[in-house]
Amino acid sequence: MKKNLLLLLSFCFSVTTVLAQVTSPPAKSDSAKAIVRICAVNRGKALSVLFVIKSKNGEVRVKGGNVLSNINPQAIKSINVLKDSTATRKYGNEARDGVVEAVIDDDKYPDLYKQIEKEVAKKN
């Protein structure tokens, strides 16, 4: 019984769940915008996730925070989540808490990558 309880507790504390959610503005509000939110059971882990914004022009890496909340969800072509050794093999030790890769639709939003690059440079 103790062994099963210990296994259950260790499993609960070792599992980190990350969820992505797109929230849309009310239909009557033209000025509001949709927002992409990244949620995690362990907030500390969510703050240390590596975000990689990819474009035909290159990629921008942002550690922590939620850079996706500043991007129009319609501009994101795809999102990929990497965990564990897959993340560290591809991005190194800074990706030990996971990676969220977002690919921008350059055809529809050609200037977006440069805007993101400038915003990230200002914060650093």
N, C-alpha and C. Protein backbone atom coordinates (compact mmCIF):
# COMPACT_ATOMS: atom_id res chain seq x y z
N MET A 1 0.82 -1.19 0.00
CA MET A 1 0.00 0.00 0.00
C MET A 1 0.87 1.26 0.00
N LYS A 2 1.91 1.30 0.88
CA LYS A 2 2.79 2.45 0.94
C LYS A 2 3.52 2.65 -0.38
N LYS A 3 3.93 1.52 -0.97
CA LYS A 3 4.67 1.59 -2.23
C LYS A 3 3.79 2.20 -3.33
N ASN A 4 2.54 1.78 -3.41
CA ASN A 4 1.63 2.32 -4.41
C ASN A 4 1.37 3.80 -4.18
N LEU A 5 1.22 4.21 -2.94
CA LEU A 5 0.99 5.61 -2.61
C LEU A 5 2.21 6.45 -2.99
N LEU A 6 3.40 5.95 -2.70
CA LEU A 6 4.61 6.67 -3.06
C LEU A 6 4.75 6.79 -4.58
N LEU A 7 4.44 5.74 -5.29
CA LEU A 7 4.49 5.80 -6.75
C LEU A 7 3.50 6.83 -7.30
N LEU A 8 2.30 6.84 -6.76
CA LEU A 8 1.29 7.79 -7.19
C LEU A 8 1.72 9.22 -6.92
N LEU A 9 2.24 9.47 -5.71
CA LEU A 9 2.68 10.82 -5.37
C LEU A 9 3.84 11.27 -6.23
N SER A 10 4.81 10.39 -6.46
CA SER A 10 5.96 10.77 -7.30
C SER A 10 5.52 11.04 -8.73
N PHE A 11 4.55 10.28 -9.22
CA PHE A 11 4.03 10.51 -10.56
C PHE A 11 3.34 11.87 -10.65
N CYS A 12 2.54 12.18 -9.66
CA CYS A 12 1.81 13.46 -9.66
C CYS A 12 2.75 14.66 -9.64
N PHE A 13 3.85 14.55 -8.89
CA PHE A 13 4.77 15.67 -8.79
C PHE A 13 5.72 15.76 -9.97
N SER A 14 5.89 14.69 -10.71
CA SER A 14 6.84 14.72 -11.82
C SER A 14 6.20 15.06 -13.15
N VAL A 15 4.90 14.97 -13.24
CA VAL A 15 4.22 15.24 -14.50
C VAL A 15 3.90 16.73 -14.61
N THR A 16 4.27 17.32 -15.72
CA THR A 16 3.94 18.72 -15.99
C THR A 16 3.06 18.75 -17.22
N THR A 17 1.92 19.36 -17.09
CA THR A 17 0.99 19.46 -18.21
C THR A 17 0.99 20.89 -18.72
N VAL A 18 1.15 21.05 -20.02
CA VAL A 18 1.10 22.37 -20.63
C VAL A 18 -0.07 22.39 -21.60
N LEU A 19 -0.88 23.41 -21.50
CA LEU A 19 -2.04 23.54 -22.36
C LEU A 19 -1.96 24.85 -23.14
N ALA A 20 -2.43 24.84 -24.36
CA ALA A 20 -2.51 26.07 -25.16
C ALA A 20 -3.97 26.37 -25.38
N GLN A 21 -4.32 27.64 -25.28
CA GLN A 21 -5.71 28.04 -25.42
C GLN A 21 -5.76 29.31 -26.24
N VAL A 22 -6.68 29.37 -27.19
CA VAL A 22 -6.91 30.59 -27.95
C VAL A 22 -8.24 31.15 -27.49
N THR A 23 -8.22 32.38 -27.01
CA THR A 23 -9.45 33.01 -26.58
C THR A 23 -9.84 34.06 -27.60
N SER A 24 -11.08 34.08 -27.98
CA SER A 24 -11.56 35.02 -28.98
C SER A 24 -12.31 36.16 -28.31
N PRO A 25 -12.27 37.33 -28.94
CA PRO A 25 -13.02 38.45 -28.38
C PRO A 25 -14.51 38.25 -28.59
N PRO A 26 -15.34 38.95 -27.82
CA PRO A 26 -16.78 38.89 -28.05
C PRO A 26 -17.10 39.34 -29.47
N ALA A 27 -18.13 38.76 -30.06
CA ALA A 27 -18.48 39.04 -31.45
C ALA A 27 -18.73 40.51 -31.73
N LYS A 28 -19.26 41.27 -30.76
CA LYS A 28 -19.60 42.67 -30.97
C LYS A 28 -18.39 43.59 -30.85
N SER A 29 -17.29 43.09 -30.34
CA SER A 29 -16.13 43.94 -30.11
C SER A 29 -15.12 43.79 -31.23
N ASP A 30 -15.01 44.80 -32.07
CA ASP A 30 -14.05 44.77 -33.17
C ASP A 30 -12.64 45.12 -32.72
N SER A 31 -12.54 45.88 -31.63
CA SER A 31 -11.23 46.34 -31.20
C SER A 31 -10.46 45.28 -30.40
N ALA A 32 -11.16 44.33 -29.80
CA ALA A 32 -10.49 43.28 -29.02
C ALA A 32 -9.81 42.30 -29.96
N LYS A 33 -8.76 41.64 -29.47
CA LYS A 33 -8.07 40.67 -30.31
C LYS A 33 -8.02 39.32 -29.63
N ALA A 34 -7.85 38.27 -30.42
CA ALA A 34 -7.70 36.93 -29.88
C ALA A 34 -6.33 36.82 -29.22
N ILE A 35 -6.22 35.96 -28.22
CA ILE A 35 -4.98 35.80 -27.48
C ILE A 35 -4.64 34.32 -27.37
N VAL A 36 -3.36 33.98 -27.54
CA VAL A 36 -2.89 32.62 -27.32
C VAL A 36 -2.32 32.57 -25.91
N ARG A 37 -2.81 31.63 -25.09
CA ARG A 37 -2.33 31.49 -23.71
C ARG A 37 -1.68 30.13 -23.54
N ILE A 38 -0.56 30.13 -22.85
CA ILE A 38 0.11 28.88 -22.50
C ILE A 38 -0.09 28.70 -21.00
N CYS A 39 -0.69 27.58 -20.62
CA CYS A 39 -0.98 27.31 -19.21
C CYS A 39 -0.24 26.04 -18.79
N ALA A 40 0.18 25.99 -17.54
CA ALA A 40 0.85 24.80 -17.03
C ALA A 40 0.43 24.57 -15.59
N VAL A 41 0.43 23.31 -15.20
CA VAL A 41 0.11 22.96 -13.83
C VAL A 41 1.14 23.57 -12.89
N ASN A 42 2.40 23.52 -13.26
CA ASN A 42 3.48 24.07 -12.47
C ASN A 42 3.89 25.40 -13.09
N ARG A 43 3.46 26.52 -12.50
CA ARG A 43 3.72 27.85 -13.07
C ARG A 43 5.21 28.13 -13.24
N GLY A 44 6.02 27.63 -12.34
CA GLY A 44 7.47 27.83 -12.45
C GLY A 44 8.02 27.23 -13.74
N LYS A 45 7.51 26.06 -14.11
CA LYS A 45 7.94 25.43 -15.36
C LYS A 45 7.47 26.24 -16.56
N ALA A 46 6.26 26.76 -16.51
CA ALA A 46 5.72 27.54 -17.63
C ALA A 46 6.56 28.78 -17.87
N LEU A 47 7.09 29.37 -16.80
CA LEU A 47 7.88 30.58 -16.94
C LEU A 47 9.28 30.31 -17.48
N SER A 48 9.71 29.06 -17.46
CA SER A 48 11.05 28.74 -17.94
C SER A 48 11.05 27.97 -19.26
N VAL A 49 9.91 27.90 -19.91
CA VAL A 49 9.81 27.25 -21.22
C VAL A 49 10.50 28.12 -22.26
N LEU A 50 11.15 27.50 -23.22
CA LEU A 50 11.80 28.21 -24.32
C LEU A 50 10.80 28.34 -25.46
N PHE A 51 10.54 29.56 -25.91
CA PHE A 51 9.68 29.80 -27.06
C PHE A 51 10.57 30.06 -28.26
N VAL A 52 10.30 29.36 -29.37
CA VAL A 52 11.06 29.55 -30.60
C VAL A 52 10.06 29.96 -31.68
N ILE A 53 10.22 31.19 -32.16
CA ILE A 53 9.36 31.71 -33.23
C ILE A 53 10.13 31.55 -34.53
N LYS A 54 9.58 30.72 -35.43
CA LYS A 54 10.27 30.41 -36.68
C LYS A 54 9.62 31.12 -37.85
N SER A 55 10.46 31.47 -38.82
CA SER A 55 10.03 32.16 -40.02
C SER A 55 10.96 31.74 -41.15
N LYS A 56 10.60 32.09 -42.35
CA LYS A 56 11.51 31.84 -43.49
C LYS A 56 12.78 32.66 -43.32
N ASN A 57 12.70 33.75 -42.57
CA ASN A 57 13.83 34.66 -42.36
C ASN A 57 14.74 34.25 -41.22
N GLY A 58 14.35 33.26 -40.43
CA GLY A 58 15.17 32.83 -39.31
C GLY A 58 14.32 32.40 -38.13
N GLU A 59 14.91 32.45 -36.95
CA GLU A 59 14.16 32.10 -35.74
C GLU A 59 14.59 32.99 -34.58
N VAL A 60 13.65 33.24 -33.68
CA VAL A 60 13.91 34.02 -32.48
C VAL A 60 13.63 33.12 -31.29
N ARG A 61 14.54 33.13 -30.31
CA ARG A 61 14.37 32.33 -29.10
C ARG A 61 14.10 33.25 -27.92
N VAL A 62 13.06 32.92 -27.16
CA VAL A 62 12.69 33.72 -25.99
C VAL A 62 12.50 32.76 -24.83
N LYS A 63 13.22 32.98 -23.75
CA LYS A 63 13.13 32.12 -22.57
C LYS A 63 12.14 32.73 -21.58
N GLY A 64 11.11 31.96 -21.24
CA GLY A 64 10.14 32.40 -20.25
C GLY A 64 9.12 33.37 -20.81
N GLY A 65 8.12 33.68 -19.99
CA GLY A 65 7.06 34.57 -20.44
C GLY A 65 6.17 33.87 -21.45
N ASN A 66 5.40 34.62 -22.15
CA ASN A 66 4.56 34.05 -23.22
C ASN A 66 4.57 34.99 -24.40
N VAL A 67 5.56 34.85 -25.23
CA VAL A 67 5.70 35.69 -26.42
C VAL A 67 4.54 35.50 -27.39
N LEU A 68 3.86 34.35 -27.31
CA LEU A 68 2.75 34.08 -28.22
C LEU A 68 1.54 34.97 -27.96
N SER A 69 1.43 35.51 -26.75
CA SER A 69 0.27 36.34 -26.44
C SER A 69 0.27 37.64 -27.24
N ASN A 70 1.42 38.02 -27.79
CA ASN A 70 1.53 39.24 -28.59
C ASN A 70 1.35 38.99 -30.08
N ILE A 71 1.12 37.74 -30.46
CA ILE A 71 1.00 37.38 -31.87
C ILE A 71 -0.45 37.04 -32.19
N ASN A 72 -0.93 37.57 -33.28
CA ASN A 72 -2.27 37.24 -33.77
C ASN A 72 -2.32 35.74 -34.06
N PRO A 73 -3.24 34.99 -33.47
CA PRO A 73 -3.30 33.54 -33.70
C PRO A 73 -3.46 33.17 -35.19
N GLN A 74 -4.04 34.06 -35.98
CA GLN A 74 -4.19 33.79 -37.41
C GLN A 74 -2.84 33.80 -38.13
N ALA A 75 -1.84 34.43 -37.52
CA ALA A 75 -0.51 34.51 -38.13
C ALA A 75 0.33 33.28 -37.84
N ILE A 76 -0.14 32.41 -36.96
CA ILE A 76 0.62 31.21 -36.60
C ILE A 76 0.19 30.05 -37.48
N LYS A 77 1.15 29.56 -38.25
CA LYS A 77 0.87 28.44 -39.16
C LYS A 77 0.79 27.13 -38.41
N SER A 78 1.70 26.94 -37.44
CA SER A 78 1.69 25.71 -36.64
C SER A 78 2.40 25.93 -35.31
N ILE A 79 2.05 25.09 -34.33
CA ILE A 79 2.70 25.10 -33.02
C ILE A 79 3.11 23.67 -32.70
N ASN A 80 4.33 23.53 -32.21
CA ASN A 80 4.86 22.22 -31.86
C ASN A 80 5.45 22.31 -30.45
N VAL A 81 5.16 21.33 -29.62
CA VAL A 81 5.69 21.29 -28.26
C VAL A 81 6.70 20.15 -28.16
N LEU A 82 7.90 20.48 -27.69
CA LEU A 82 8.95 19.48 -27.48
C LEU A 82 9.22 19.36 -25.99
N LYS A 83 9.41 18.13 -25.53
CA LYS A 83 9.67 17.89 -24.11
C LYS A 83 10.87 16.97 -23.96
N ASP A 84 11.42 17.00 -22.76
CA ASP A 84 12.46 16.07 -22.32
C ASP A 84 13.67 16.08 -23.24
N SER A 85 14.18 14.90 -23.57
CA SER A 85 15.42 14.80 -24.34
C SER A 85 15.26 15.29 -25.78
N THR A 86 14.06 15.25 -26.31
CA THR A 86 13.83 15.77 -27.66
C THR A 86 14.13 17.26 -27.69
N ALA A 87 13.69 17.97 -26.69
CA ALA A 87 13.91 19.42 -26.62
C ALA A 87 15.38 19.75 -26.42
N THR A 88 16.04 19.05 -25.49
CA THR A 88 17.45 19.36 -25.21
C THR A 88 18.37 18.94 -26.34
N ARG A 89 18.03 17.87 -27.04
CA ARG A 89 18.84 17.48 -28.20
C ARG A 89 18.81 18.56 -29.28
N LYS A 90 17.66 19.15 -29.48
CA LYS A 90 17.50 20.13 -30.56
C LYS A 90 17.98 21.53 -30.16
N TYR A 91 17.72 21.95 -28.89
CA TYR A 91 18.00 23.33 -28.49
C TYR A 91 18.99 23.47 -27.34
N GLY A 92 19.50 22.37 -26.83
CA GLY A 92 20.49 22.46 -25.76
C GLY A 92 19.87 22.58 -24.38
N ASN A 93 20.70 22.92 -23.41
CA ASN A 93 20.29 22.93 -22.01
C ASN A 93 19.22 23.98 -21.69
N GLU A 94 19.16 25.07 -22.46
CA GLU A 94 18.14 26.09 -22.19
C GLU A 94 16.73 25.57 -22.44
N ALA A 95 16.62 24.41 -23.09
CA ALA A 95 15.32 23.81 -23.40
C ALA A 95 14.95 22.70 -22.43
N ARG A 96 15.63 22.58 -21.30
CA ARG A 96 15.39 21.47 -20.36
C ARG A 96 13.98 21.45 -19.80
N ASP A 97 13.30 22.61 -19.77
CA ASP A 97 11.93 22.65 -19.27
C ASP A 97 10.89 22.63 -20.38
N GLY A 98 11.34 22.38 -21.60
CA GLY A 98 10.42 22.27 -22.73
C GLY A 98 10.54 23.41 -23.71
N VAL A 99 10.01 23.17 -24.90
CA VAL A 99 10.06 24.15 -25.99
C VAL A 99 8.69 24.24 -26.64
N VAL A 100 8.29 25.47 -26.95
CA VAL A 100 7.11 25.69 -27.77
C VAL A 100 7.60 26.36 -29.04
N GLU A 101 7.51 25.63 -30.16
CA GLU A 101 7.91 26.17 -31.46
C GLU A 101 6.65 26.69 -32.17
N ALA A 102 6.72 27.91 -32.65
CA ALA A 102 5.61 28.49 -33.41
C ALA A 102 6.14 28.92 -34.76
N VAL A 103 5.50 28.46 -35.82
CA VAL A 103 5.90 28.82 -37.18
C VAL A 103 4.93 29.89 -37.68
N ILE A 104 5.50 31.00 -38.12
CA ILE A 104 4.70 32.13 -38.60
C ILE A 104 4.38 31.94 -40.08
N ASP A 105 3.18 32.36 -40.45
CA ASP A 105 2.76 32.34 -41.86
C ASP A 105 3.31 33.59 -42.54
N ASP A 106 4.51 33.47 -43.13
CA ASP A 106 5.19 34.60 -43.77
C ASP A 106 4.45 35.12 -45.00
N ASP A 107 3.71 34.25 -45.66
CA ASP A 107 3.00 34.68 -46.87
C ASP A 107 1.90 35.69 -46.54
N LYS A 108 1.17 35.45 -45.45
CA LYS A 108 0.07 36.34 -45.06
C LYS A 108 0.54 37.49 -44.19
N TYR A 109 1.62 37.29 -43.43
CA TYR A 109 2.12 38.30 -42.49
C TYR A 109 3.63 38.49 -42.72
N PRO A 110 4.01 39.12 -43.83
CA PRO A 110 5.43 39.20 -44.20
C PRO A 110 6.30 40.03 -43.25
N ASP A 111 5.72 41.00 -42.54
CA ASP A 111 6.52 41.87 -41.67
C ASP A 111 6.53 41.43 -40.21
N LEU A 112 5.78 40.41 -39.88
CA LEU A 112 5.62 40.01 -38.48
C LEU A 112 6.92 39.55 -37.84
N TYR A 113 7.72 38.78 -38.55
CA TYR A 113 8.97 38.27 -37.98
C TYR A 113 9.88 39.42 -37.56
N LYS A 114 10.00 40.43 -38.39
CA LYS A 114 10.85 41.58 -38.06
C LYS A 114 10.32 42.33 -36.85
N GLN A 115 9.00 42.43 -36.72
CA GLN A 115 8.40 43.08 -35.55
C GLN A 115 8.72 42.31 -34.28
N ILE A 116 8.59 40.99 -34.35
CA ILE A 116 8.89 40.14 -33.18
C ILE A 116 10.37 40.26 -32.81
N GLU A 117 11.22 40.26 -33.81
CA GLU A 117 12.66 40.37 -33.60
C GLU A 117 12.99 41.69 -32.87
N LYS A 118 12.35 42.77 -33.28
CA LYS A 118 12.58 44.07 -32.64
C LYS A 118 12.08 44.08 -31.20
N GLU A 119 10.90 43.51 -30.95
CA GLU A 119 10.35 43.45 -29.59
C GLU A 119 11.25 42.66 -28.66
N VAL A 120 11.76 41.54 -29.15
CA VAL A 120 12.63 40.68 -28.34
C VAL A 120 13.95 41.41 -28.06
N ALA A 121 14.48 42.12 -29.05
CA ALA A 121 15.73 42.88 -28.86
C ALA A 121 15.54 43.97 -27.82
N LYS A 122 14.38 44.63 -27.77
CA LYS A 122 14.11 45.67 -26.78
C LYS A 122 14.11 45.10 -25.37
N LYS A 123 13.54 43.90 -25.20
CA LYS A 123 13.45 43.28 -23.88
C LYS A 123 14.79 42.79 -23.39
N ASN A 124 15.70 42.49 -24.31
CA ASN A 124 17.02 41.98 -23.92
C ASN A 124 17.95 43.14 -23.85
